[in-house]
Amino acid sequence: MNPKKIYFASDAHLGARFHREPLAVEKRLVRWLDSICDEAAAVYFLGDMFDYWFEYKYVVPKGFTRFLGKVADMADKGIEMHFFIGNHDIWMFDYLPAETGAIIHREPLTVDLMGKRFFLAHGDEVDNRSLMFRFLRGLFRNTFCQQLYAAIHPRWTMGFAYGWSLHSRQAGLREQEETGSYKGEAAEYLVLFAKEYLKTHPDIHFFIFGHRHIMLDLMLSRTSRLLIAGDWMRHFSYIVWDGESLTMEQFETEE
């Protein structure tokens, strides 16, 4: 039997209005999980797997039945299923751990995996370029603001959230067309963060992020690499660690 492997993926934005075929995206993600189930020791979802997620006391967003069922099935088989909150699905509380066995991470995580040290995060947590972005991030993570938001009926909050997400995505795609995807080592803020972080934490072997929707594998030093996991909107990409090699791959399957 092959040694167990650890997988990383991010940014499926399940439920997003900009998906032409939302169910097809979810089914493809589930097929990928099916394909790795026998070899996986753990799966790390690095944020924004849902385009919007807010848990009320008795209500959660509808949909995602196949995906959540597969997460629960894999967790029941002893596979660690990790979710990092992203900037779209910040409001995960106790539902996923209770119902699927998932482990939730609200901050970047430094962890030793099969002999190497990893720094894992969605990526928005270290983005301090925009004052407005930092303000909104603090607002959305504030417990009191979350309680106020929860007092509004889901009929209004969910429609507002999905509409805002669609508007933000359309604006982001226009910006991407104008400036290109990868901004280069001198301007890519996740690269700049990792290089600075290495100065005080030289023991990090791998930085893995989501958030930017690009596939990037970059050597930072002789002993450290940075990878950005792409997404499950265009690239259908993931990262796999087998204890010896860390590789970026794309899931291709017959529809």
Foldseek 3Di string as FASTA:
>chain_A
DAAAKEKEAEALQQPAPPAPDNVVLLVLVLVVCVVRLVRHQEYEYAENNHQAWADAPPDTDDDSVSVLVSLLVSVVVNRAYEYEYDPHYQHDDCPSCVPRVHHYDDAWDWDDDLHAIETGHQPLVQDPPDPVSVVVVCLVNDPVNSVVLSVDDPVPPVVVSSVVSVVVVVVVVVVCVVQPQDNDCVPDRVNVVVLVVCVVVVRHQEYEHENSQDFDWADPDPRHIYTYFHHSRPFQKMWMDSSPDIDIDHDDDDD
